[in-house]
Amino acid sequence: MATRQHADASPEIQRDFHTALSDAVARNEAKPAHLAYLEDRMRVNSGRPQLYGTQMFDDGNGFRPHPIENPEQLDDRRAAVGLEPFETYEAQMRRLYEGGI
């Protein structure tokens, strides 16, 4: 799945995979969390705010998430797809980014 999710240079491949993954999630054959990562990646690549806060970057002033739509509801959306609270995820990503894990 990661190969298709990371096909940033081919948005049409990501769209096709998004459709297939959405169908698989609806049939309980794939995890909603995987679809959340892909949804965020596609949104960020198209200049839209992400929904689940899965996409981070270094803007030269530090490591942070790309803009998030309705951040006050972020942890509710994350929980609905089986993701940990954003604070936990962000701390883990920072440790990874800084080489601490």
PDB file of N, CA and C in Angstrom:
ATOM      1  N   MET A   1       0.803  -1.189   0.000  1.00  0.00           N
ATOM      2  CA  MET A   1       0.000   0.000   0.000  1.00  0.00           C
ATOM      3  C   MET A   1       0.851   1.261   0.000  1.00  0.00           C
ATOM      4  N   ALA A   2       1.956   1.232   0.728  1.00  0.00           N
ATOM      5  CA  ALA A   2       2.771   2.433   0.835  1.00  0.00           C
ATOM      6  C   ALA A   2       3.253   2.901  -0.527  1.00  0.00           C
ATOM      7  N   THR A   3       3.536   1.975  -1.423  1.00  0.00           N
ATOM      8  CA  THR A   3       4.019   2.361  -2.742  1.00  0.00           C
ATOM      9  C   THR A   3       3.003   3.241  -3.448  1.00  0.00           C
ATOM     10  N   ARG A   4       1.748   2.878  -3.448  1.00  0.00           N
ATOM     11  CA  ARG A   4       0.703   3.666  -4.107  1.00  0.00           C
ATOM     12  C   ARG A   4       0.436   4.960  -3.351  1.00  0.00           C
ATOM     13  N   GLN A   5       0.437   4.880  -2.027  1.00  0.00           N
ATOM     14  CA  GLN A   5       0.181   6.072  -1.229  1.00  0.00           C
ATOM     15  C   GLN A   5       1.220   7.135  -1.508  1.00  0.00           C
ATOM     16  N   HIS A   6       2.463   6.729  -1.697  1.00  0.00           N
ATOM     17  CA  HIS A   6       3.553   7.672  -1.874  1.00  0.00           C
ATOM     18  C   HIS A   6       3.778   8.053  -3.332  1.00  0.00           C
ATOM     19  N   ALA A   7       2.855   7.750  -4.201  1.00  0.00           N
ATOM     20  CA  ALA A   7       2.977   8.078  -5.623  1.00  0.00           C
ATOM     21  C   ALA A   7       2.644   9.543  -5.855  1.00  0.00           C
ATOM     22  N   ASP A   8       3.347  10.435  -5.153  1.00  0.00           N
ATOM     23  CA  ASP A   8       3.034  11.861  -5.214  1.00  0.00           C
ATOM     24  C   ASP A   8       3.160  12.450  -6.612  1.00  0.00           C
ATOM     25  N   ALA A   9       4.032  11.909  -7.422  1.00  0.00           N
ATOM     26  CA  ALA A   9       4.206  12.430  -8.782  1.00  0.00           C
ATOM     27  C   ALA A   9       3.098  11.954  -9.717  1.00  0.00           C
ATOM     28  N   SER A  10       2.262  11.048  -9.248  1.00  0.00           N
ATOM     29  CA  SER A  10       1.179  10.495 -10.068  1.00  0.00           C
ATOM     30  C   SER A  10      -0.149  10.594  -9.337  1.00  0.00           C
ATOM     31  N   PRO A  11      -0.736  11.790  -9.294  1.00  0.00           N
ATOM     32  CA  PRO A  11      -2.007  11.936  -8.576  1.00  0.00           C
ATOM     33  C   PRO A  11      -3.104  11.016  -9.093  1.00  0.00           C
ATOM     34  N   GLU A  12      -3.061  10.691 -10.386  1.00  0.00           N
ATOM     35  CA  GLU A  12      -4.097   9.800 -10.920  1.00  0.00           C
ATOM     36  C   GLU A  12      -3.978   8.409 -10.318  1.00  0.00           C
ATOM     37  N   ILE A  13      -2.774   7.955 -10.048  1.00  0.00           N
ATOM     38  CA  ILE A  13      -2.578   6.649  -9.399  1.00  0.00           C
ATOM     39  C   ILE A  13      -3.117   6.725  -7.973  1.00  0.00           C
ATOM     40  N   GLN A  14      -2.822   7.823  -7.281  1.00  0.00           N
ATOM     41  CA  GLN A  14      -3.345   7.980  -5.924  1.00  0.00           C
ATOM     42  C   GLN A  14      -4.868   7.993  -5.920  1.00  0.00           C
ATOM     43  N   ARG A  15      -5.487   8.678  -6.871  1.00  0.00           N
ATOM     44  CA  ARG A  15      -6.960   8.715  -6.934  1.00  0.00           C
ATOM     45  C   ARG A  15      -7.525   7.313  -7.164  1.00  0.00           C
ATOM     46  N   ASP A  16      -6.908   6.580  -8.086  1.00  0.00           N
ATOM     47  CA  ASP A  16      -7.373   5.217  -8.351  1.00  0.00           C
ATOM     48  C   ASP A  16      -7.229   4.346  -7.102  1.00  0.00           C
ATOM     49  N   PHE A  17      -6.091   4.483  -6.447  1.00  0.00           N
ATOM     50  CA  PHE A  17      -5.864   3.688  -5.245  1.00  0.00           C
ATOM     51  C   PHE A  17      -6.820   4.116  -4.131  1.00  0.00           C
ATOM     52  N   HIS A  18      -7.114   5.413  -4.046  1.00  0.00           N
ATOM     53  CA  HIS A  18      -8.056   5.912  -3.041  1.00  0.00           C
ATOM     54  C   HIS A  18      -9.421   5.254  -3.236  1.00  0.00           C
ATOM     55  N   THR A  19      -9.864   5.171  -4.473  1.00  0.00           N
ATOM     56  CA  THR A  19     -11.145   4.528  -4.769  1.00  0.00           C
ATOM     57  C   THR A  19     -11.123   3.061  -4.358  1.00  0.00           C
ATOM     58  N   ALA A  20     -10.061   2.370  -4.741  1.00  0.00           N
ATOM     59  CA  ALA A  20      -9.946   0.943  -4.405  1.00  0.00           C
ATOM     60  C   ALA A  20      -9.852   0.738  -2.893  1.00  0.00           C
ATOM     61  N   LEU A  21      -9.080   1.577  -2.226  1.00  0.00           N
ATOM     62  CA  LEU A  21      -8.918   1.440  -0.783  1.00  0.00           C
ATOM     63  C   LEU A  21     -10.217   1.791  -0.061  1.00  0.00           C
ATOM     64  N   SER A  22     -10.929   2.792  -0.531  1.00  0.00           N
ATOM     65  CA  SER A  22     -12.234   3.142   0.053  1.00  0.00           C
ATOM     66  C   SER A  22     -13.190   1.957  -0.030  1.00  0.00           C
ATOM     67  N   ASP A  23     -13.201   1.303  -1.181  1.00  0.00           N
ATOM     68  CA  ASP A  23     -14.051   0.125  -1.356  1.00  0.00           C
ATOM     69  C   ASP A  23     -13.636  -1.000  -0.407  1.00  0.00           C
ATOM     70  N   ALA A  24     -12.336  -1.198  -0.263  1.00  0.00           N
ATOM     71  CA  ALA A  24     -11.829  -2.246   0.629  1.00  0.00           C
ATOM     72  C   ALA A  24     -12.180  -1.940   2.087  1.00  0.00           C
ATOM     73  N   VAL A  25     -12.095  -0.686   2.482  1.00  0.00           N
ATOM     74  CA  VAL A  25     -12.478  -0.302   3.844  1.00  0.00           C
ATOM     75  C   VAL A  25     -13.970  -0.574   4.047  1.00  0.00           C
ATOM     76  N   ALA A  26     -14.793  -0.229   3.080  1.00  0.00           N
ATOM     77  CA  ALA A  26     -16.242  -0.457   3.181  1.00  0.00           C
ATOM     78  C   ALA A  26     -16.565  -1.938   3.331  1.00  0.00           C
ATOM     79  N   ARG A  27     -15.722  -2.798   2.770  1.00  0.00           N
ATOM     80  CA  ARG A  27     -15.913  -4.256   2.863  1.00  0.00           C
ATOM     81  C   ARG A  27     -15.170  -4.853   4.058  1.00  0.00           C
ATOM     82  N   ASN A  28     -14.597  -3.995   4.918  1.00  0.00           N
ATOM     83  CA  ASN A  28     -13.813  -4.444   6.073  1.00  0.00           C
ATOM     84  C   ASN A  28     -12.606  -5.286   5.666  1.00  0.00           C
ATOM     85  N   GLU A  29     -12.050  -4.978   4.504  1.00  0.00           N
ATOM     86  CA  GLU A  29     -10.865  -5.689   4.015  1.00  0.00           C
ATOM     87  C   GLU A  29      -9.601  -4.843   4.141  1.00  0.00           C
ATOM     88  N   ALA A  30      -9.735  -3.625   4.608  1.00  0.00           N
ATOM     89  CA  ALA A  30      -8.589  -2.729   4.806  1.00  0.00           C
ATOM     90  C   ALA A  30      -8.891  -1.836   6.000  1.00  0.00           C
ATOM     91  N   LYS A  31      -7.840  -1.317   6.601  1.00  0.00           N
ATOM     92  CA  LYS A  31      -7.985  -0.472   7.779  1.00  0.00           C
ATOM     93  C   LYS A  31      -8.324   0.969   7.395  1.00  0.00           C
ATOM     94  N   PRO A  32      -9.301   1.557   8.072  1.00  0.00           N
ATOM     95  CA  PRO A  32      -9.630   2.959   7.826  1.00  0.00           C
ATOM     96  C   PRO A  32      -8.424   3.887   8.040  1.00  0.00           C
ATOM     97  N   ALA A  33      -7.523   3.526   8.931  1.00  0.00           N
ATOM     98  CA  ALA A  33      -6.340   4.359   9.180  1.00  0.00           C
ATOM     99  C   ALA A  33      -5.486   4.487   7.921  1.00  0.00           C
ATOM    100  N   HIS A  34      -5.389   3.419   7.130  1.00  0.00           N
ATOM    101  CA  HIS A  34      -4.604   3.491   5.888  1.00  0.00           C
ATOM    102  C   HIS A  34      -5.239   4.483   4.916  1.00  0.00           C
ATOM    103  N   LEU A  35      -6.552   4.478   4.866  1.00  0.00           N
ATOM    104  CA  LEU A  35      -7.262   5.419   4.003  1.00  0.00           C
ATOM    105  C   LEU A  35      -7.066   6.855   4.501  1.00  0.00           C
ATOM    106  N   ALA A  36      -7.016   7.042   5.814  1.00  0.00           N
ATOM    107  CA  ALA A  36      -6.795   8.375   6.387  1.00  0.00           C
ATOM    108  C   ALA A  36      -5.443   8.938   5.957  1.00  0.00           C
ATOM    109  N   TYR A  37      -4.403   8.114   6.000  1.00  0.00           N
ATOM    110  CA  TYR A  37      -3.075   8.573   5.562  1.00  0.00           C
ATOM    111  C   TYR A  37      -3.104   8.986   4.091  1.00  0.00           C
ATOM    112  N   LEU A  38      -3.746   8.176   3.268  1.00  0.00           N
ATOM    113  CA  LEU A  38      -3.812   8.491   1.843  1.00  0.00           C
ATOM    114  C   LEU A  38      -4.649   9.752   1.600  1.00  0.00           C
ATOM    115  N   GLU A  39      -5.750   9.877   2.293  1.00  0.00           N
ATOM    116  CA  GLU A  39      -6.595  11.064   2.161  1.00  0.00           C
ATOM    117  C   GLU A  39      -5.798  12.325   2.494  1.00  0.00           C
ATOM    118  N   ASP A  40      -5.078  12.289   3.608  1.00  0.00           N
ATOM    119  CA  ASP A  40      -4.271  13.455   3.986  1.00  0.00           C
ATOM    120  C   ASP A  40      -3.207  13.760   2.953  1.00  0.00           C
ATOM    121  N   ARG A  41      -2.541  12.740   2.473  1.00  0.00           N
ATOM    122  CA  ARG A  41      -1.468  12.937   1.499  1.00  0.00           C
ATOM    123  C   ARG A  41      -2.018  13.585   0.222  1.00  0.00           C
ATOM    124  N   MET A  42      -3.157  13.093  -0.240  1.00  0.00           N
ATOM    125  CA  MET A  42      -3.769  13.649  -1.447  1.00  0.00           C
ATOM    126  C   MET A  42      -4.209  15.093  -1.217  1.00  0.00           C
ATOM    127  N   ARG A  43      -4.752  15.378  -0.045  1.00  0.00           N
ATOM    128  CA  ARG A  43      -5.184  16.735   0.260  1.00  0.00           C
ATOM    129  C   ARG A  43      -3.993  17.689   0.291  1.00  0.00           C
ATOM    130  N   VAL A  44      -2.926  17.293   0.969  1.00  0.00           N
ATOM    131  CA  VAL A  44      -1.733  18.141   1.051  1.00  0.00           C
ATOM    132  C   VAL A  44      -1.168  18.386  -0.345  1.00  0.00           C
ATOM    133  N   ASN A  45      -1.098  17.343  -1.157  1.00  0.00           N
ATOM    134  CA  ASN A  45      -0.547  17.477  -2.510  1.00  0.00           C
ATOM    135  C   ASN A  45      -1.406  18.363  -3.414  1.00  0.00           C
ATOM    136  N   SER A  46      -2.693  18.508  -3.074  1.00  0.00           N
ATOM    137  CA  SER A  46      -3.554  19.372  -3.880  1.00  0.00           C
ATOM    138  C   SER A  46      -3.748  20.747  -3.232  1.00  0.00           C
ATOM    139  N   GLY A  47      -2.987  21.040  -2.170  1.00  0.00           N
ATOM    140  CA  GLY A  47      -3.042  22.343  -1.533  1.00  0.00           C
ATOM    141  C   GLY A  47      -4.186  22.539  -0.557  1.00  0.00           C
ATOM    142  N   ARG A  48      -4.808  21.441  -0.153  1.00  0.00           N
ATOM    143  CA  ARG A  48      -5.925  21.517   0.795  1.00  0.00           C
ATOM    144  C   ARG A  48      -5.463  21.085   2.184  1.00  0.00           C
ATOM    145  N   PRO A  49      -6.134  21.566   3.244  1.00  0.00           N
ATOM    146  CA  PRO A  49      -5.774  21.128   4.597  1.00  0.00           C
ATOM    147  C   PRO A  49      -6.076  19.641   4.782  1.00  0.00           C
ATOM    148  N   GLN A  50      -5.243  18.994   5.558  1.00  0.00           N
ATOM    149  CA  GLN A  50      -5.454  17.580   5.841  1.00  0.00           C
ATOM    150  C   GLN A  50      -6.522  17.401   6.914  1.00  0.00           C
ATOM    151  N   LEU A  51      -7.086  16.198   6.987  1.00  0.00           N
ATOM    152  CA  LEU A  51      -8.139  15.904   7.955  1.00  0.00           C
ATOM    153  C   LEU A  51      -7.626  15.213   9.211  1.00  0.00           C
ATOM    154  N   TYR A  52      -6.574  14.410   9.086  1.00  0.00           N
ATOM    155  CA  TYR A  52      -6.151  13.540  10.178  1.00  0.00           C
ATOM    156  C   TYR A  52      -4.783  13.898  10.774  1.00  0.00           C
ATOM    157  N   GLY A  53      -4.112  14.883  10.233  1.00  0.00           N
ATOM    158  CA  GLY A  53      -2.834  15.322  10.781  1.00  0.00           C
ATOM    159  C   GLY A  53      -1.702  14.333  10.618  1.00  0.00           C
ATOM    160  N   THR A  54      -1.734  13.557   9.549  1.00  0.00           N
ATOM    161  CA  THR A  54      -0.709  12.520   9.352  1.00  0.00           C
ATOM    162  C   THR A  54       0.519  13.002   8.583  1.00  0.00           C
ATOM    163  N   GLN A  55       0.426  14.152   7.943  1.00  0.00           N
ATOM    164  CA  GLN A  55       1.504  14.617   7.069  1.00  0.00           C
ATOM    165  C   GLN A  55       2.267  15.766   7.732  1.00  0.00           C
ATOM    166  N   MET A  56       3.556  15.529   7.949  1.00  0.00           N
ATOM    167  CA  MET A  56       4.419  16.481   8.633  1.00  0.00           C
ATOM    168  C   MET A  56       5.515  16.947   7.674  1.00  0.00           C
ATOM    169  N   PHE A  57       6.136  18.075   8.008  1.00  0.00           N
ATOM    170  CA  PHE A  57       7.243  18.567   7.191  1.00  0.00           C
ATOM    171  C   PHE A  57       8.112  19.512   8.013  1.00  0.00           C
ATOM    172  N   ASP A  58       9.310  19.769   7.514  1.00  0.00           N
ATOM    173  CA  ASP A  58      10.232  20.724   8.127  1.00  0.00           C
ATOM    174  C   ASP A  58      10.222  21.971   7.259  1.00  0.00           C
ATOM    175  N   ASP A  59       9.759  23.064   7.814  1.00  0.00           N
ATOM    176  CA  ASP A  59       9.673  24.307   7.045  1.00  0.00           C
ATOM    177  C   ASP A  59      10.906  25.191   7.230  1.00  0.00           C
ATOM    178  N   GLY A  60      11.964  24.647   7.794  1.00  0.00           N
ATOM    179  CA  GLY A  60      13.175  25.415   8.050  1.00  0.00           C
ATOM    180  C   GLY A  60      13.173  26.028   9.432  1.00  0.00           C
ATOM    181  N   ASN A  61      12.003  26.085  10.048  1.00  0.00           N
ATOM    182  CA  ASN A  61      11.873  26.602  11.412  1.00  0.00           C
ATOM    183  C   ASN A  61      11.454  25.504  12.383  1.00  0.00           C
ATOM    184  N   GLY A  62      11.452  24.274  11.901  1.00  0.00           N
ATOM    185  CA  GLY A  62      11.067  23.156  12.748  1.00  0.00           C
ATOM    186  C   GLY A  62      10.131  22.196  12.047  1.00  0.00           C
ATOM    187  N   PHE A  63       9.921  21.074  12.685  1.00  0.00           N
ATOM    188  CA  PHE A  63       9.091  19.988  12.172  1.00  0.00           C
ATOM    189  C   PHE A  63       7.665  20.220  12.650  1.00  0.00           C
ATOM    190  N   ARG A  64       6.721  20.223  11.724  1.00  0.00           N
ATOM    191  CA  ARG A  64       5.339  20.494  12.099  1.00  0.00           C
ATOM    192  C   ARG A  64       4.389  19.855  11.091  1.00  0.00           C
ATOM    193  N   PRO A  65       3.084  19.787  11.442  1.00  0.00           N
ATOM    194  CA  PRO A  65       2.119  19.223  10.503  1.00  0.00           C
ATOM    195  C   PRO A  65       1.762  20.236   9.424  1.00  0.00           C
ATOM    196  N   HIS A  66       1.414  19.729   8.269  1.00  0.00           N
ATOM    197  CA  HIS A  66       0.801  20.581   7.249  1.00  0.00           C
ATOM    198  C   HIS A  66      -0.512  21.097   7.846  1.00  0.00           C
ATOM    199  N   PRO A  67      -1.076  22.169   7.311  1.00  0.00           N
ATOM    200  CA  PRO A  67      -2.334  22.707   7.848  1.00  0.00           C
ATOM    201  C   PRO A  67      -3.414  21.624   7.995  1.00  0.00           C
ATOM    202  N   ILE A  68      -4.191  21.767   9.047  1.00  0.00           N
ATOM    203  CA  ILE A  68      -5.225  20.793   9.392  1.00  0.00           C
ATOM    204  C   ILE A  68      -6.592  21.484   9.391  1.00  0.00           C
ATOM    205  N   GLU A  69      -7.546  20.869   8.702  1.00  0.00           N
ATOM    206  CA  GLU A  69      -8.916  21.378   8.659  1.00  0.00           C
ATOM    207  C   GLU A  69      -9.600  21.138  10.008  1.00  0.00           C
ATOM    208  N   ASN A  70     -10.284  22.146  10.505  1.00  0.00           N
ATOM    209  CA  ASN A  70     -11.015  22.040  11.779  1.00  0.00           C
ATOM    210  C   ASN A  70     -10.194  21.316  12.850  1.00  0.00           C
ATOM    211  N   PRO A  71      -9.066  21.902  13.259  1.00  0.00           N
ATOM    212  CA  PRO A  71      -8.186  21.207  14.208  1.00  0.00           C
ATOM    213  C   PRO A  71      -8.848  20.888  15.543  1.00  0.00           C
ATOM    214  N   GLU A  72      -9.895  21.619  15.914  1.00  0.00           N
ATOM    215  CA  GLU A  72     -10.570  21.336  17.183  1.00  0.00           C
ATOM    216  C   GLU A  72     -11.274  19.975  17.160  1.00  0.00           C
ATOM    217  N   GLN A  73     -11.516  19.421  15.992  1.00  0.00           N
ATOM    218  CA  GLN A  73     -12.158  18.099  15.871  1.00  0.00           C
ATOM    219  C   GLN A  73     -11.175  17.011  15.442  1.00  0.00           C
ATOM    220  N   LEU A  74      -9.895  17.350  15.415  1.00  0.00           N
ATOM    221  CA  LEU A  74      -8.873  16.428  14.902  1.00  0.00           C
ATOM    222  C   LEU A  74      -8.862  15.092  15.640  1.00  0.00           C
ATOM    223  N   ASP A  75      -8.799  15.098  16.959  1.00  0.00           N
ATOM    224  CA  ASP A  75      -8.702  13.831  17.680  1.00  0.00           C
ATOM    225  C   ASP A  75      -9.962  12.982  17.538  1.00  0.00           C
ATOM    226  N   ASP A  76     -11.113  13.608  17.373  1.00  0.00           N
ATOM    227  CA  ASP A  76     -12.344  12.842  17.117  1.00  0.00           C
ATOM    228  C   ASP A  76     -12.250  12.118  15.773  1.00  0.00           C
ATOM    229  N   ARG A  77     -11.772  12.828  14.738  1.00  0.00           N
ATOM    230  CA  ARG A  77     -11.622  12.201  13.424  1.00  0.00           C
ATOM    231  C   ARG A  77     -10.589  11.085  13.488  1.00  0.00           C
ATOM    232  N   ARG A  78      -9.484  11.336  14.169  1.00  0.00           N
ATOM    233  CA  ARG A  78      -8.429  10.322  14.281  1.00  0.00           C
ATOM    234  C   ARG A  78      -8.965   9.071  14.984  1.00  0.00           C
ATOM    235  N   ALA A  79      -9.677   9.253  16.073  1.00  0.00           N
ATOM    236  CA  ALA A  79     -10.224   8.112  16.809  1.00  0.00           C
ATOM    237  C   ALA A  79     -11.199   7.309  15.953  1.00  0.00           C
ATOM    238  N   ALA A  80     -11.976   7.987  15.149  1.00  0.00           N
ATOM    239  CA  ALA A  80     -12.977   7.314  14.314  1.00  0.00           C
ATOM    240  C   ALA A  80     -12.362   6.354  13.302  1.00  0.00           C
ATOM    241  N   VAL A  81     -11.089   6.588  12.940  1.00  0.00           N
ATOM    242  CA  VAL A  81     -10.429   5.702  11.976  1.00  0.00           C
ATOM    243  C   VAL A  81      -9.351   4.836  12.637  1.00  0.00           C
ATOM    244  N   GLY A  82      -9.297   4.860  13.965  1.00  0.00           N
ATOM    245  CA  GLY A  82      -8.368   3.991  14.680  1.00  0.00           C
ATOM    246  C   GLY A  82      -6.971   4.554  14.863  1.00  0.00           C
ATOM    247  N   LEU A  83      -6.817   5.866  14.770  1.00  0.00           N
ATOM    248  CA  LEU A  83      -5.510   6.487  14.987  1.00  0.00           C
ATOM    249  C   LEU A  83      -5.418   7.010  16.420  1.00  0.00           C
ATOM    250  N   GLU A  84      -4.200   7.026  16.946  1.00  0.00           N
ATOM    251  CA  GLU A  84      -3.969   7.544  18.278  1.00  0.00           C
ATOM    252  C   GLU A  84      -4.199   9.061  18.311  1.00  0.00           C
ATOM    253  N   PRO A  85      -4.322   9.646  19.515  1.00  0.00           N
ATOM    254  CA  PRO A  85      -4.465  11.101  19.601  1.00  0.00           C
ATOM    255  C   PRO A  85      -3.289  11.799  18.906  1.00  0.00           C
ATOM    256  N   PHE A  86      -3.571  12.967  18.350  1.00  0.00           N
ATOM    257  CA  PHE A  86      -2.550  13.680  17.595  1.00  0.00           C
ATOM    258  C   PHE A  86      -1.319  13.985  18.447  1.00  0.00           C
ATOM    259  N   GLU A  87      -1.507  14.343  19.688  1.00  0.00           N
ATOM    260  CA  GLU A  87      -0.374  14.663  20.554  1.00  0.00           C
ATOM    261  C   GLU A  87       0.601  13.484  20.642  1.00  0.00           C
ATOM    262  N   THR A  88       0.084  12.279  20.759  1.00  0.00           N
ATOM    263  CA  THR A  88       0.912  11.079  20.810  1.00  0.00           C
ATOM    264  C   THR A  88       1.637  10.860  19.481  1.00  0.00           C
ATOM    265  N   TYR A  89       0.893  10.989  18.390  1.00  0.00           N
ATOM    266  CA  TYR A  89       1.471  10.813  17.048  1.00  0.00           C
ATOM    267  C   TYR A  89       2.555  11.851  16.784  1.00  0.00           C
ATOM    268  N   GLU A  90       2.269  13.102  17.098  1.00  0.00           N
ATOM    269  CA  GLU A  90       3.235  14.164  16.848  1.00  0.00           C
ATOM    270  C   GLU A  90       4.522  13.938  17.635  1.00  0.00           C
ATOM    271  N   ALA A  91       4.404  13.526  18.889  1.00  0.00           N
ATOM    272  CA  ALA A  91       5.593  13.252  19.704  1.00  0.00           C
ATOM    273  C   ALA A  91       6.422  12.120  19.100  1.00  0.00           C
ATOM    274  N   GLN A  92       5.744  11.067  18.632  1.00  0.00           N
ATOM    275  CA  GLN A  92       6.439   9.942  18.000  1.00  0.00           C
ATOM    276  C   GLN A  92       7.140  10.396  16.718  1.00  0.00           C
ATOM    277  N   MET A  93       6.455  11.181  15.904  1.00  0.00           N
ATOM    278  CA  MET A  93       7.051  11.659  14.651  1.00  0.00           C
ATOM    279  C   MET A  93       8.246  12.565  14.931  1.00  0.00           C
ATOM    280  N   ARG A  94       8.174  13.394  15.936  1.00  0.00           N
ATOM    281  CA  ARG A  94       9.295  14.264  16.283  1.00  0.00           C
ATOM    282  C   ARG A  94      10.502  13.435  16.718  1.00  0.00           C
ATOM    283  N   ARG A  95      10.245  12.389  17.519  1.00  0.00           N
ATOM    284  CA  ARG A  95      11.349  11.510  17.939  1.00  0.00           C
ATOM    285  C   ARG A  95      11.986  10.845  16.728  1.00  0.00           C
ATOM    286  N   LEU A  96      11.170  10.352  15.809  1.00  0.00           N
ATOM    287  CA  LEU A  96      11.689   9.733  14.587  1.00  0.00           C
ATOM    288  C   LEU A  96      12.497  10.733  13.776  1.00  0.00           C
ATOM    289  N   TYR A  97      11.945  11.906  13.602  1.00  0.00           N
ATOM    290  CA  TYR A  97      12.592  12.961  12.810  1.00  0.00           C
ATOM    291  C   TYR A  97      13.938  13.364  13.417  1.00  0.00           C
ATOM    292  N   GLU A  98      13.980  13.419  14.729  1.00  0.00           N
ATOM    293  CA  GLU A  98      15.204  13.821  15.423  1.00  0.00           C
ATOM    294  C   GLU A  98      16.156  12.657  15.644  1.00  0.00           C
ATOM    295  N   GLY A  99      15.781  11.453  15.187  1.00  0.00           N
ATOM    296  CA  GLY A  99      16.652  10.287  15.295  1.00  0.00           C
ATOM    297  C   GLY A  99      16.648   9.637  16.665  1.00  0.00           C
ATOM    298  N   GLY A 100      15.588   9.875  17.436  1.00  0.00           N
ATOM    299  CA  GLY A 100      15.546   9.361  18.791  1.00  0.00           C
ATOM    300  C   GLY A 100      14.968   7.975  18.950  1.00  0.00           C
ATOM    301  N   ILE A 101      14.441   7.394  17.887  1.00  0.00           N
ATOM    302  CA  ILE A 101      13.861   6.042  18.013  1.00  0.00           C
ATOM    303  C   ILE A 101      14.705   5.079  17.205  1.00  0.00           C
TER     304      ILE A 101
END
